[in-house]
Amino acid sequence: MLLYKKNVTAMNSLIFVVQKHQSSHLHYDFRLEVNGVLKSWAIPKGPSMKPAEKRLAVMVEDHPLNYAGFEGTIPEGNYGAGTVEIWDSGTWEPLAGFENAEKELEKGLLEFSLYGKKLKGEFMLVKMEKSYTKDGWLLIKKNDEFAEK
């Protein structure tokens, strides 16, 4: 059973952030701190708390940790031009057996817990073998006490 931690902010906690990004198309940038950078996925429909709703998550370039706090407008003519707002944030930790997040991502599966304001409980990122893009993943909410039906 997962015990929810209220936004742990200890020095050794790993951060996550979801930024709602209105650029050419509305999407949500899901970012996990891994080895000093933010591993990032663009999620067109945004994360879901419903296990049945598997969300496409396209892996994009890593971002520096200080980008986790960015909100504002990226000016026209720049990559990602548009409005960015923080939709959710908090800390995360890998589940048992997935402690080496970088290695697990290379293998194509990472299971973890999120401790955010909106996103709580256990999730997994699963690399899609057959996808329209080589960087296609699925973000899936696991069935736990925080899952919505």
C-alpha atoms as a PDB file:
ATOM      1  CA  MET A   1       0.000   0.000   0.000  1.00  0.00           C
ATOM      2  CA  LEU A   2       1.350   3.415  -0.978  1.00  0.00           C
ATOM      3  CA  LEU A   3       1.433   5.983   1.779  1.00  0.00           C
ATOM      4  CA  TYR A   4       0.954   9.470   0.381  1.00  0.00           C
ATOM      5  CA  LYS A   5       3.634  11.952   1.352  1.00  0.00           C
ATOM      6  CA  LYS A   6       2.486  15.568   1.271  1.00  0.00           C
ATOM      7  CA  ASN A   7       4.877  17.180  -1.210  1.00  0.00           C
ATOM      8  CA  VAL A   8       8.084  16.071   0.425  1.00  0.00           C
ATOM      9  CA  THR A   9      10.746  18.745   0.005  1.00  0.00           C
ATOM     10  CA  ALA A  10      13.760  17.077   1.576  1.00  0.00           C
ATOM     11  CA  MET A  11      17.132  17.900   0.016  1.00  0.00           C
ATOM     12  CA  ASN A  12      17.407  14.453  -1.578  1.00  0.00           C
ATOM     13  CA  SER A  13      13.878  14.421  -3.021  1.00  0.00           C
ATOM     14  CA  LEU A  14      13.501  14.191  -6.772  1.00  0.00           C
ATOM     15  CA  ILE A  15      11.175  16.729  -8.355  1.00  0.00           C
ATOM     16  CA  PHE A  16       8.552  16.429 -11.055  1.00  0.00           C
ATOM     17  CA  VAL A  17       6.567  19.100 -12.836  1.00  0.00           C
ATOM     18  CA  VAL A  18       3.773  19.172 -15.394  1.00  0.00           C
ATOM     19  CA  GLN A  19       3.647  22.354 -17.452  1.00  0.00           C
ATOM     20  CA  LYS A  20       0.538  23.170 -19.470  1.00  0.00           C
ATOM     21  CA  HIS A  21       1.935  24.491 -22.744  1.00  0.00           C
ATOM     22  CA  GLN A  22      -0.217  26.358 -25.253  1.00  0.00           C
ATOM     23  CA  SER A  23       2.009  26.511 -28.308  1.00  0.00           C
ATOM     24  CA  SER A  24       0.928  25.532 -31.812  1.00  0.00           C
ATOM     25  CA  HIS A  25      -1.173  22.846 -30.052  1.00  0.00           C
ATOM     26  CA  LEU A  26      -2.143  22.572 -26.393  1.00  0.00           C
ATOM     27  CA  HIS A  27      -0.173  19.835 -24.625  1.00  0.00           C
ATOM     28  CA  TYR A  28       1.285  19.065 -21.213  1.00  0.00           C
ATOM     29  CA  ASP A  29       5.026  18.710 -20.623  1.00  0.00           C
ATOM     30  CA  PHE A  30       5.644  15.983 -18.036  1.00  0.00           C
ATOM     31  CA  ARG A  31       9.116  16.232 -16.481  1.00  0.00           C
ATOM     32  CA  LEU A  32      10.944  13.961 -14.017  1.00  0.00           C
ATOM     33  CA  GLU A  33      14.258  14.802 -12.387  1.00  0.00           C
ATOM     34  CA  VAL A  34      16.738  12.076 -13.343  1.00  0.00           C
ATOM     35  CA  ASN A  35      20.503  12.415 -12.802  1.00  0.00           C
ATOM     36  CA  GLY A  36      20.471  16.198 -12.552  1.00  0.00           C
ATOM     37  CA  VAL A  37      18.225  16.977 -15.547  1.00  0.00           C
ATOM     38  CA  LEU A  38      14.515  16.949 -16.306  1.00  0.00           C
ATOM     39  CA  LYS A  39      13.625  14.004 -18.531  1.00  0.00           C
ATOM     40  CA  SER A  40      10.660  15.265 -20.529  1.00  0.00           C
ATOM     41  CA  TRP A  41       7.621  13.970 -22.390  1.00  0.00           C
ATOM     42  CA  ALA A  42       4.953  15.929 -24.285  1.00  0.00           C
ATOM     43  CA  ILE A  43       1.486  14.565 -23.461  1.00  0.00           C
ATOM     44  CA  PRO A  44      -1.164  15.876 -25.887  1.00  0.00           C
ATOM     45  CA  LYS A  45      -4.206  15.153 -23.669  1.00  0.00           C
ATOM     46  CA  GLY A  46      -2.439  15.601 -20.338  1.00  0.00           C
ATOM     47  CA  PRO A  47      -1.906  13.044 -17.566  1.00  0.00           C
ATOM     48  CA  SER A  48      -4.885  11.074 -16.275  1.00  0.00           C
ATOM     49  CA  MET A  49      -5.688   9.644 -12.869  1.00  0.00           C
ATOM     50  CA  LYS A  50      -7.757   6.897 -14.562  1.00  0.00           C
ATOM     51  CA  PRO A  51      -5.882   3.616 -15.170  1.00  0.00           C
ATOM     52  CA  ALA A  52      -7.993   2.877 -18.262  1.00  0.00           C
ATOM     53  CA  GLU A  53      -6.845   6.124 -19.928  1.00  0.00           C
ATOM     54  CA  LYS A  54      -3.386   5.399 -21.281  1.00  0.00           C
ATOM     55  CA  ARG A  55      -1.844   8.680 -22.385  1.00  0.00           C
ATOM     56  CA  LEU A  56       0.526   9.075 -25.325  1.00  0.00           C
ATOM     57  CA  ALA A  57       3.752  10.652 -24.055  1.00  0.00           C
ATOM     58  CA  VAL A  58       6.341  11.628 -26.664  1.00  0.00           C
ATOM     59  CA  MET A  59       9.830  11.870 -25.207  1.00  0.00           C
ATOM     60  CA  VAL A  60      11.455  15.218 -26.009  1.00  0.00           C
ATOM     61  CA  GLU A  61      14.803  16.778 -25.147  1.00  0.00           C
ATOM     62  CA  ASP A  62      16.053  16.982 -21.567  1.00  0.00           C
ATOM     63  CA  HIS A  63      15.682  20.315 -19.797  1.00  0.00           C
ATOM     64  CA  PRO A  64      17.778  21.869 -17.006  1.00  0.00           C
ATOM     65  CA  LEU A  65      16.385  21.553 -13.469  1.00  0.00           C
ATOM     66  CA  ASN A  66      15.744  25.288 -13.174  1.00  0.00           C
ATOM     67  CA  TYR A  67      13.185  25.005 -16.000  1.00  0.00           C
ATOM     68  CA  ALA A  68      10.838  23.272 -13.526  1.00  0.00           C
ATOM     69  CA  GLY A  69       9.773  26.659 -12.184  1.00  0.00           C
ATOM     70  CA  PHE A  70       9.227  28.334 -15.552  1.00  0.00           C
ATOM     71  CA  GLU A  71       5.894  29.985 -16.220  1.00  0.00           C
ATOM     72  CA  GLY A  72       5.367  32.685 -18.784  1.00  0.00           C
ATOM     73  CA  THR A  73       5.286  33.349 -22.481  1.00  0.00           C
ATOM     74  CA  ILE A  74       7.889  32.128 -24.940  1.00  0.00           C
ATOM     75  CA  PRO A  75       8.010  34.842 -27.640  1.00  0.00           C
ATOM     76  CA  GLU A  76       6.932  34.210 -31.237  1.00  0.00           C
ATOM     77  CA  GLY A  77       9.794  33.079 -33.455  1.00  0.00           C
ATOM     78  CA  ASN A  78      11.295  30.924 -30.691  1.00  0.00           C
ATOM     79  CA  TYR A  79      11.029  27.164 -30.319  1.00  0.00           C
ATOM     80  CA  GLY A  80       7.921  26.354 -28.264  1.00  0.00           C
ATOM     81  CA  ALA A  81       6.476  29.855 -28.627  1.00  0.00           C
ATOM     82  CA  GLY A  82       3.364  30.247 -26.499  1.00  0.00           C
ATOM     83  CA  THR A  83       2.160  30.284 -22.919  1.00  0.00           C
ATOM     84  CA  VAL A  84       3.502  27.936 -20.238  1.00  0.00           C
ATOM     85  CA  GLU A  85       1.948  27.483 -16.804  1.00  0.00           C
ATOM     86  CA  ILE A  86       2.684  25.003 -14.039  1.00  0.00           C
ATOM     87  CA  TRP A  87      -0.254  22.575 -13.917  1.00  0.00           C
ATOM     88  CA  ASP A  88       1.165  20.358 -11.147  1.00  0.00           C
ATOM     89  CA  SER A  89       4.431  19.799  -9.306  1.00  0.00           C
ATOM     90  CA  GLY A  90       5.856  17.868  -6.410  1.00  0.00           C
ATOM     91  CA  THR A  91       8.279  15.057  -5.764  1.00  0.00           C
ATOM     92  CA  TRP A  92       8.613  11.546  -7.109  1.00  0.00           C
ATOM     93  CA  GLU A  93      10.396   8.320  -6.336  1.00  0.00           C
ATOM     94  CA  PRO A  94      10.984   5.132  -8.304  1.00  0.00           C
ATOM     95  CA  LEU A  95       9.185   2.017  -7.093  1.00  0.00           C
ATOM     96  CA  ALA A  96      11.215  -0.908  -5.744  1.00  0.00           C
ATOM     97  CA  GLY A  97      13.199  -2.526  -8.531  1.00  0.00           C
ATOM     98  CA  PHE A  98      13.254   0.696 -10.592  1.00  0.00           C
ATOM     99  CA  GLU A  99      15.740   2.719  -8.518  1.00  0.00           C
ATOM    100  CA  ASN A 100      18.121   3.348 -11.438  1.00  0.00           C
ATOM    101  CA  ALA A 101      15.695   5.490 -13.421  1.00  0.00           C
ATOM    102  CA  GLU A 102      18.116   6.243 -16.268  1.00  0.00           C
ATOM    103  CA  LYS A 103      18.768   2.531 -16.848  1.00  0.00           C
ATOM    104  CA  GLU A 104      15.068   1.654 -16.579  1.00  0.00           C
ATOM    105  CA  LEU A 105      14.170   4.335 -19.122  1.00  0.00           C
ATOM    106  CA  GLU A 106      16.770   2.896 -21.494  1.00  0.00           C
ATOM    107  CA  LYS A 107      15.063  -0.487 -21.063  1.00  0.00           C
ATOM    108  CA  GLY A 108      11.666   1.087 -21.771  1.00  0.00           C
ATOM    109  CA  LEU A 109       9.818   0.811 -18.445  1.00  0.00           C
ATOM    110  CA  LEU A 110       9.835   2.993 -15.348  1.00  0.00           C
ATOM    111  CA  GLU A 111       7.412   2.574 -12.437  1.00  0.00           C
ATOM    112  CA  PHE A 112       7.222   5.381  -9.892  1.00  0.00           C
ATOM    113  CA  SER A 113       5.153   7.258  -7.321  1.00  0.00           C
ATOM    114  CA  LEU A 114       4.183  10.909  -7.667  1.00  0.00           C
ATOM    115  CA  TYR A 115       3.500  13.193  -4.712  1.00  0.00           C
ATOM    116  CA  GLY A 116       1.884  16.215  -6.313  1.00  0.00           C
ATOM    117  CA  LYS A 117      -1.174  18.358  -5.776  1.00  0.00           C
ATOM    118  CA  LYS A 118      -3.125  16.726  -8.632  1.00  0.00           C
ATOM    119  CA  LEU A 119      -1.068  13.659  -9.512  1.00  0.00           C
ATOM    120  CA  LYS A 120      -0.739  11.209  -6.642  1.00  0.00           C
ATOM    121  CA  GLY A 121       0.163   7.567  -6.373  1.00  0.00           C
ATOM    122  CA  GLU A 122       1.754   5.045  -8.681  1.00  0.00           C
ATOM    123  CA  PHE A 123       2.336   5.480 -12.413  1.00  0.00           C
ATOM    124  CA  MET A 124       4.391   3.882 -15.130  1.00  0.00           C
ATOM    125  CA  LEU A 125       6.032   5.045 -18.328  1.00  0.00           C
ATOM    126  CA  VAL A 126       6.117   2.313 -20.981  1.00  0.00           C
ATOM    127  CA  LYS A 127       8.035   2.643 -24.261  1.00  0.00           C
ATOM    128  CA  MET A 128       5.866   1.750 -27.235  1.00  0.00           C
ATOM    129  CA  GLU A 129       7.458  -0.734 -29.613  1.00  0.00           C
ATOM    130  CA  LYS A 130       5.260   0.254 -32.548  1.00  0.00           C
ATOM    131  CA  SER A 131       4.590   3.960 -32.684  1.00  0.00           C
ATOM    132  CA  TYR A 132       4.410   6.679 -35.294  1.00  0.00           C
ATOM    133  CA  THR A 133       7.460   8.141 -33.586  1.00  0.00           C
ATOM    134  CA  LYS A 134      10.556   6.405 -32.225  1.00  0.00           C
ATOM    135  CA  ASP A 135      10.064   8.347 -29.005  1.00  0.00           C
ATOM    136  CA  GLY A 136       6.510   7.162 -28.250  1.00  0.00           C
ATOM    137  CA  TRP A 137       5.709   6.171 -24.678  1.00  0.00           C
ATOM    138  CA  LEU A 138       2.547   5.648 -22.651  1.00  0.00           C
ATOM    139  CA  LEU A 139       1.966   7.270 -19.265  1.00  0.00           C
ATOM    140  CA  ILE A 140      -0.337   4.971 -17.295  1.00  0.00           C
ATOM    141  CA  LYS A 141      -1.875   5.479 -13.857  1.00  0.00           C
ATOM    142  CA  LYS A 142      -1.658   2.306 -11.794  1.00  0.00           C
ATOM    143  CA  ASN A 143      -4.716   1.056  -9.945  1.00  0.00           C
ATOM    144  CA  ASP A 144      -4.139   2.241  -6.374  1.00  0.00           C
ATOM    145  CA  GLU A 145      -6.090   4.177  -3.743  1.00  0.00           C
ATOM    146  CA  PHE A 146      -5.647   7.443  -5.682  1.00  0.00           C
ATOM    147  CA  ALA A 147      -6.908   6.089  -9.003  1.00  0.00           C
ATOM    148  CA  GLU A 148     -10.142   7.467 -10.403  1.00  0.00           C
ATOM    149  CA  LYS A 149     -12.599   5.020 -11.919  1.00  0.00           C
END
